Amino acid sequence: MAGVRTGLDRQMALFGIKALNPVGDLKREMGLAAKKSGLSRQEICDRMNILIQVEGLRTKGKDGLVTLAMLDKWLAPEALESIIPLKLLPVFCRVVGSLAPLQALAGPVGGMVIGGLEVVLLEMARAYPGPLPHEPE
Protein backbone atom coordinates (compact mmCIF):
# COMPACT_ATOMS: atom_id res chain seq x y z
CA MET A 1 0.00 0.00 0.00
CA ALA A 2 1.46 3.37 -0.97
CA GLY A 3 -0.07 5.44 1.79
CA VAL A 4 -3.45 7.09 1.75
CA ARG A 5 -4.76 7.57 -1.80
CA THR A 6 -7.35 10.12 -2.81
CA GLY A 7 -9.78 9.81 -5.70
CA LEU A 8 -7.54 12.13 -7.71
CA ASP A 9 -4.50 9.91 -7.01
CA ARG A 10 -6.39 6.88 -8.32
CA GLN A 11 -7.56 8.79 -11.40
CA MET A 12 -4.06 10.01 -12.16
CA ALA A 13 -2.68 6.47 -11.79
CA LEU A 14 -5.16 5.26 -14.43
CA PHE A 15 -3.51 7.59 -16.92
CA GLY A 16 0.03 6.72 -15.85
CA ILE A 17 0.52 10.04 -14.07
CA LYS A 18 2.31 9.91 -10.71
CA ALA A 19 0.77 12.07 -8.00
CA LEU A 20 3.06 14.83 -6.78
CA ASN A 21 2.27 14.36 -3.08
CA PRO A 22 5.11 12.10 -1.83
CA VAL A 23 4.07 11.86 1.83
CA GLY A 24 2.49 8.38 1.76
CA ASP A 25 5.34 6.87 -0.25
CA LEU A 26 7.95 8.66 1.86
CA LYS A 27 6.49 7.30 5.10
CA ARG A 28 6.20 3.80 3.64
CA GLU A 29 9.80 3.82 2.41
CA MET A 30 11.08 5.22 5.70
CA GLY A 31 9.25 2.49 7.61
CA LEU A 32 10.61 -0.25 5.36
CA ALA A 33 14.14 1.17 5.55
CA ALA A 34 13.96 1.32 9.35
CA LYS A 35 12.85 -2.33 9.51
CA LYS A 36 15.46 -3.52 7.01
CA SER A 37 18.23 -1.69 8.87
CA GLY A 38 18.10 -4.17 11.75
CA LEU A 39 18.26 -1.27 14.19
CA SER A 40 15.70 -0.59 16.88
CA ARG A 41 13.91 2.73 16.69
CA GLN A 42 15.83 3.89 19.74
CA GLU A 43 19.12 2.98 18.02
CA ILE A 44 18.02 4.94 14.95
CA CYS A 45 17.29 7.98 17.18
CA ASP A 46 20.61 7.66 18.98
CA ARG A 47 22.61 7.41 15.74
CA MET A 48 20.66 10.25 14.14
CA ASN A 49 21.35 12.43 17.17
CA ILE A 50 25.10 11.79 16.90
CA LEU A 51 25.08 12.84 13.25
CA ILE A 52 22.79 15.81 13.94
CA GLN A 53 25.25 17.12 16.51
CA VAL A 54 28.26 16.51 14.23
CA GLU A 55 26.52 18.34 11.37
CA GLY A 56 25.32 21.22 13.55
CA LEU A 57 21.65 20.50 12.87
CA ARG A 58 18.72 20.75 15.29
CA THR A 59 15.14 19.61 15.45
CA LYS A 60 12.34 21.82 16.75
CA GLY A 61 11.97 19.48 19.70
CA LYS A 62 13.38 19.62 23.19
CA ASP A 63 17.19 19.91 23.17
CA GLY A 64 17.14 19.97 19.35
CA LEU A 65 17.43 16.18 19.18
CA VAL A 66 15.31 13.43 17.66
CA THR A 67 13.12 11.70 20.22
CA LEU A 68 11.54 8.29 19.92
CA ALA A 69 8.12 9.97 19.83
CA MET A 70 9.22 12.12 16.86
CA LEU A 71 10.57 9.13 14.94
CA ASP A 72 7.40 7.15 15.65
CA LYS A 73 5.29 9.99 14.18
CA TRP A 74 7.56 10.34 11.13
CA LEU A 75 7.19 6.60 10.44
CA ALA A 76 3.45 6.32 11.19
CA PRO A 77 1.60 5.97 7.86
CA GLU A 78 -1.60 7.48 9.25
CA ALA A 79 0.15 10.59 10.68
CA LEU A 80 0.28 12.44 7.36
CA GLU A 81 0.84 15.79 9.08
CA SER A 82 4.02 14.58 10.81
CA ILE A 83 6.81 14.51 8.25
CA ILE A 84 10.54 14.35 8.85
CA PRO A 85 12.14 17.76 8.23
CA LEU A 86 13.92 17.80 4.88
CA LYS A 87 17.27 18.69 6.48
CA LEU A 88 17.08 15.49 8.56
CA LEU A 89 16.12 13.09 5.77
CA PRO A 90 19.73 12.54 4.62
CA VAL A 91 20.68 11.82 8.24
CA PHE A 92 17.90 9.22 8.51
CA CYS A 93 18.96 7.66 5.19
CA ARG A 94 22.60 7.46 6.28
CA VAL A 95 21.67 5.83 9.59
CA VAL A 96 19.39 3.18 8.06
CA GLY A 97 21.57 2.68 4.97
CA SER A 98 18.86 3.31 2.36
CA LEU A 99 18.24 5.74 -0.48
CA ALA A 100 14.62 4.58 -0.88
CA PRO A 101 13.14 7.50 1.13
CA LEU A 102 14.97 9.96 -1.12
CA GLN A 103 13.65 8.09 -4.17
CA ALA A 104 10.13 8.60 -2.81
CA LEU A 105 10.74 12.35 -3.17
CA ALA A 106 12.46 12.16 -6.58
CA GLY A 107 10.03 9.73 -8.22
CA PRO A 108 6.99 12.00 -8.61
CA VAL A 109 8.99 14.42 -10.78
CA GLY A 110 10.57 11.68 -12.87
CA GLY A 111 13.86 11.57 -10.98
CA MET A 112 15.87 8.61 -9.82
CA VAL A 113 18.26 8.33 -6.91
CA ILE A 114 21.22 6.05 -7.48
CA GLY A 115 24.13 5.05 -5.32
CA GLY A 116 27.04 2.69 -5.04
CA LEU A 117 27.54 0.46 -8.05
CA GLU A 118 25.03 2.40 -10.17
CA VAL A 119 27.11 5.58 -9.76
CA VAL A 120 30.29 3.75 -10.80
CA LEU A 121 28.58 2.24 -13.85
CA LEU A 122 27.15 5.61 -14.89
CA GLU A 123 30.54 7.30 -14.58
CA MET A 124 32.18 4.50 -16.59
CA ALA A 125 29.54 4.84 -19.32
CA ARG A 126 30.07 8.60 -19.46
CA ALA A 127 33.84 8.14 -19.75
CA TYR A 128 33.62 5.44 -22.46
CA PRO A 129 35.20 6.96 -25.62
CA GLY A 130 33.03 5.37 -28.29
CA PRO A 131 29.55 3.98 -28.74
CA LEU A 132 28.56 1.46 -26.12
CA PRO A 133 28.77 -2.17 -27.30
CA HIS A 134 24.97 -2.51 -27.62
CA GLU A 135 24.49 0.86 -29.39
CA PRO A 136 24.39 1.13 -33.18
CA GLU A 137 27.25 3.20 -34.58
C-alpha atoms as a PDB file:
ATOM      1  CA  MET A   1       0.000   0.000   0.000  1.00  0.00           C
ATOM      2  CA  ALA A   2       1.460   3.368  -0.973  1.00  0.00           C
ATOM      3  CA  GLY A   3      -0.067   5.436   1.788  1.00  0.00           C
ATOM      4  CA  VAL A   4      -3.452   7.091   1.755  1.00  0.00           C
ATOM      5  CA  ARG A   5      -4.760   7.571  -1.799  1.00  0.00           C
ATOM      6  CA  THR A   6      -7.348  10.120  -2.807  1.00  0.00           C
ATOM      7  CA  GLY A   7      -9.776   9.810  -5.702  1.00  0.00           C
ATOM      8  CA  LEU A   8      -7.536  12.125  -7.710  1.00  0.00           C
ATOM      9  CA  ASP A   9      -4.503   9.910  -7.014  1.00  0.00           C
ATOM     10  CA  ARG A  10      -6.385   6.876  -8.322  1.00  0.00           C
ATOM     11  CA  GLN A  11      -7.555   8.790 -11.400  1.00  0.00           C
ATOM     12  CA  MET A  12      -4.060  10.013 -12.163  1.00  0.00           C
ATOM     13  CA  ALA A  13      -2.679   6.470 -11.793  1.00  0.00           C
ATOM     14  CA  LEU A  14      -5.163   5.263 -14.426  1.00  0.00           C
ATOM     15  CA  PHE A  15      -3.513   7.593 -16.921  1.00  0.00           C
ATOM     16  CA  GLY A  16       0.028   6.722 -15.849  1.00  0.00           C
ATOM     17  CA  ILE A  17       0.521  10.040 -14.070  1.00  0.00           C
ATOM     18  CA  LYS A  18       2.306   9.913 -10.711  1.00  0.00           C
ATOM     19  CA  ALA A  19       0.766  12.071  -8.000  1.00  0.00           C
ATOM     20  CA  LEU A  20       3.061  14.830  -6.781  1.00  0.00           C
ATOM     21  CA  ASN A  21       2.268  14.358  -3.078  1.00  0.00           C
ATOM     22  CA  PRO A  22       5.110  12.099  -1.833  1.00  0.00           C
ATOM     23  CA  VAL A  23       4.066  11.856   1.826  1.00  0.00           C
ATOM     24  CA  GLY A  24       2.492   8.378   1.758  1.00  0.00           C
ATOM     25  CA  ASP A  25       5.336   6.874  -0.249  1.00  0.00           C
ATOM     26  CA  LEU A  26       7.946   8.659   1.865  1.00  0.00           C
ATOM     27  CA  LYS A  27       6.487   7.304   5.095  1.00  0.00           C
ATOM     28  CA  ARG A  28       6.201   3.798   3.638  1.00  0.00           C
ATOM     29  CA  GLU A  29       9.804   3.816   2.412  1.00  0.00           C
ATOM     30  CA  MET A  30      11.083   5.220   5.700  1.00  0.00           C
ATOM     31  CA  GLY A  31       9.252   2.490   7.612  1.00  0.00           C
ATOM     32  CA  LEU A  32      10.612  -0.246   5.360  1.00  0.00           C
ATOM     33  CA  ALA A  33      14.137   1.173   5.548  1.00  0.00           C
ATOM     34  CA  ALA A  34      13.956   1.325   9.347  1.00  0.00           C
ATOM     35  CA  LYS A  35      12.848  -2.327   9.514  1.00  0.00           C
ATOM     36  CA  LYS A  36      15.457  -3.518   7.007  1.00  0.00           C
ATOM     37  CA  SER A  37      18.230  -1.692   8.865  1.00  0.00           C
ATOM     38  CA  GLY A  38      18.102  -4.168  11.746  1.00  0.00           C
ATOM     39  CA  LEU A  39      18.260  -1.269  14.193  1.00  0.00           C
ATOM     40  CA  SER A  40      15.703  -0.592  16.882  1.00  0.00           C
ATOM     41  CA  ARG A  41      13.907   2.728  16.692  1.00  0.00           C
ATOM     42  CA  GLN A  42      15.835   3.887  19.744  1.00  0.00           C
ATOM     43  CA  GLU A  43      19.121   2.984  18.024  1.00  0.00           C
ATOM     44  CA  ILE A  44      18.021   4.943  14.948  1.00  0.00           C
ATOM     45  CA  CYS A  45      17.291   7.977  17.184  1.00  0.00           C
ATOM     46  CA  ASP A  46      20.613   7.665  18.976  1.00  0.00           C
ATOM     47  CA  ARG A  47      22.608   7.410  15.742  1.00  0.00           C
ATOM     48  CA  MET A  48      20.662  10.250  14.139  1.00  0.00           C
ATOM     49  CA  ASN A  49      21.352  12.428  17.171  1.00  0.00           C
ATOM     50  CA  ILE A  50      25.096  11.793  16.903  1.00  0.00           C
ATOM     51  CA  LEU A  51      25.077  12.845  13.246  1.00  0.00           C
ATOM     52  CA  ILE A  52      22.794  15.810  13.936  1.00  0.00           C
ATOM     53  CA  GLN A  53      25.248  17.123  16.508  1.00  0.00           C
ATOM     54  CA  VAL A  54      28.260  16.513  14.226  1.00  0.00           C
ATOM     55  CA  GLU A  55      26.522  18.344  11.370  1.00  0.00           C
ATOM     56  CA  GLY A  56      25.317  21.222  13.548  1.00  0.00           C
ATOM     57  CA  LEU A  57      21.646  20.496  12.873  1.00  0.00           C
ATOM     58  CA  ARG A  58      18.724  20.754  15.290  1.00  0.00           C
ATOM     59  CA  THR A  59      15.139  19.608  15.448  1.00  0.00           C
ATOM     60  CA  LYS A  60      12.342  21.824  16.748  1.00  0.00           C
ATOM     61  CA  GLY A  61      11.971  19.478  19.698  1.00  0.00           C
ATOM     62  CA  LYS A  62      13.382  19.619  23.190  1.00  0.00           C
ATOM     63  CA  ASP A  63      17.189  19.910  23.168  1.00  0.00           C
ATOM     64  CA  GLY A  64      17.144  19.965  19.355  1.00  0.00           C
ATOM     65  CA  LEU A  65      17.435  16.181  19.183  1.00  0.00           C
ATOM     66  CA  VAL A  66      15.314  13.429  17.658  1.00  0.00           C
ATOM     67  CA  THR A  67      13.122  11.701  20.218  1.00  0.00           C
ATOM     68  CA  LEU A  68      11.542   8.290  19.924  1.00  0.00           C
ATOM     69  CA  ALA A  69       8.117   9.972  19.827  1.00  0.00           C
ATOM     70  CA  MET A  70       9.221  12.119  16.861  1.00  0.00           C
ATOM     71  CA  LEU A  71      10.567   9.133  14.945  1.00  0.00           C
ATOM     72  CA  ASP A  72       7.395   7.153  15.651  1.00  0.00           C
ATOM     73  CA  LYS A  73       5.293   9.987  14.180  1.00  0.00           C
ATOM     74  CA  TRP A  74       7.556  10.337  11.128  1.00  0.00           C
ATOM     75  CA  LEU A  75       7.193   6.602  10.442  1.00  0.00           C
ATOM     76  CA  ALA A  76       3.448   6.320  11.188  1.00  0.00           C
ATOM     77  CA  PRO A  77       1.597   5.973   7.858  1.00  0.00           C
ATOM     78  CA  GLU A  78      -1.595   7.481   9.250  1.00  0.00           C
ATOM     79  CA  ALA A  79       0.152  10.589  10.678  1.00  0.00           C
ATOM     80  CA  LEU A  80       0.282  12.441   7.364  1.00  0.00           C
ATOM     81  CA  GLU A  81       0.839  15.790   9.075  1.00  0.00           C
ATOM     82  CA  SER A  82       4.021  14.576  10.814  1.00  0.00           C
ATOM     83  CA  ILE A  83       6.810  14.510   8.250  1.00  0.00           C
ATOM     84  CA  ILE A  84      10.535  14.347   8.846  1.00  0.00           C
ATOM     85  CA  PRO A  85      12.142  17.757   8.234  1.00  0.00           C
ATOM     86  CA  LEU A  86      13.920  17.803   4.884  1.00  0.00           C
ATOM     87  CA  LYS A  87      17.266  18.691   6.476  1.00  0.00           C
ATOM     88  CA  LEU A  88      17.082  15.488   8.560  1.00  0.00           C
ATOM     89  CA  LEU A  89      16.116  13.094   5.771  1.00  0.00           C
ATOM     90  CA  PRO A  90      19.732  12.538   4.622  1.00  0.00           C
ATOM     91  CA  VAL A  91      20.681  11.824   8.239  1.00  0.00           C
ATOM     92  CA  PHE A  92      17.904   9.218   8.506  1.00  0.00           C
ATOM     93  CA  CYS A  93      18.957   7.662   5.186  1.00  0.00           C
ATOM     94  CA  ARG A  94      22.602   7.455   6.278  1.00  0.00           C
ATOM     95  CA  VAL A  95      21.668   5.828   9.585  1.00  0.00           C
ATOM     96  CA  VAL A  96      19.385   3.179   8.056  1.00  0.00           C
ATOM     97  CA  GLY A  97      21.571   2.682   4.967  1.00  0.00           C
ATOM     98  CA  SER A  98      18.863   3.306   2.363  1.00  0.00           C
ATOM     99  CA  LEU A  99      18.242   5.738  -0.481  1.00  0.00           C
ATOM    100  CA  ALA A 100      14.622   4.583  -0.883  1.00  0.00           C
ATOM    101  CA  PRO A 101      13.138   7.495   1.131  1.00  0.00           C
ATOM    102  CA  LEU A 102      14.971   9.961  -1.123  1.00  0.00           C
ATOM    103  CA  GLN A 103      13.646   8.087  -4.165  1.00  0.00           C
ATOM    104  CA  ALA A 104      10.126   8.597  -2.814  1.00  0.00           C
ATOM    105  CA  LEU A 105      10.740  12.349  -3.175  1.00  0.00           C
ATOM    106  CA  ALA A 106      12.456  12.162  -6.575  1.00  0.00           C
ATOM    107  CA  GLY A 107      10.029   9.732  -8.223  1.00  0.00           C
ATOM    108  CA  PRO A 108       6.988  12.003  -8.613  1.00  0.00           C
ATOM    109  CA  VAL A 109       8.985  14.421 -10.781  1.00  0.00           C
ATOM    110  CA  GLY A 110      10.571  11.682 -12.869  1.00  0.00           C
ATOM    111  CA  GLY A 111      13.855  11.568 -10.978  1.00  0.00           C
ATOM    112  CA  MET A 112      15.865   8.608  -9.823  1.00  0.00           C
ATOM    113  CA  VAL A 113      18.256   8.327  -6.907  1.00  0.00           C
ATOM    114  CA  ILE A 114      21.219   6.052  -7.485  1.00  0.00           C
ATOM    115  CA  GLY A 115      24.131   5.053  -5.324  1.00  0.00           C
ATOM    116  CA  GLY A 116      27.037   2.686  -5.039  1.00  0.00           C
ATOM    117  CA  LEU A 117      27.536   0.463  -8.047  1.00  0.00           C
ATOM    118  CA  GLU A 118      25.032   2.403 -10.169  1.00  0.00           C
ATOM    119  CA  VAL A 119      27.110   5.578  -9.763  1.00  0.00           C
ATOM    120  CA  VAL A 120      30.288   3.749 -10.796  1.00  0.00           C
ATOM    121  CA  LEU A 121      28.581   2.245 -13.851  1.00  0.00           C
ATOM    122  CA  LEU A 122      27.154   5.609 -14.891  1.00  0.00           C
ATOM    123  CA  GLU A 123      30.541   7.304 -14.581  1.00  0.00           C
ATOM    124  CA  MET A 124      32.176   4.502 -16.593  1.00  0.00           C
ATOM    125  CA  ALA A 125      29.545   4.841 -19.319  1.00  0.00           C
ATOM    126  CA  ARG A 126      30.069   8.603 -19.463  1.00  0.00           C
ATOM    127  CA  ALA A 127      33.841   8.141 -19.752  1.00  0.00           C
ATOM    128  CA  TYR A 128      33.616   5.436 -22.464  1.00  0.00           C
ATOM    129  CA  PRO A 129      35.199   6.961 -25.617  1.00  0.00           C
ATOM    130  CA  GLY A 130      33.030   5.365 -28.290  1.00  0.00           C
ATOM    131  CA  PRO A 131      29.552   3.975 -28.741  1.00  0.00           C
ATOM    132  CA  LEU A 132      28.561   1.458 -26.125  1.00  0.00           C
ATOM    133  CA  PRO A 133      28.767  -2.169 -27.303  1.00  0.00           C
ATOM    134  CA  HIS A 134      24.968  -2.506 -27.619  1.00  0.00           C
ATOM    135  CA  GLU A 135      24.491   0.855 -29.387  1.00  0.00           C
ATOM    136  CA  PRO A 136      24.389   1.129 -33.178  1.00  0.00           C
ATOM    137  CA  GLU A 137      27.254   3.197 -34.583  1.00  0.00           C
END
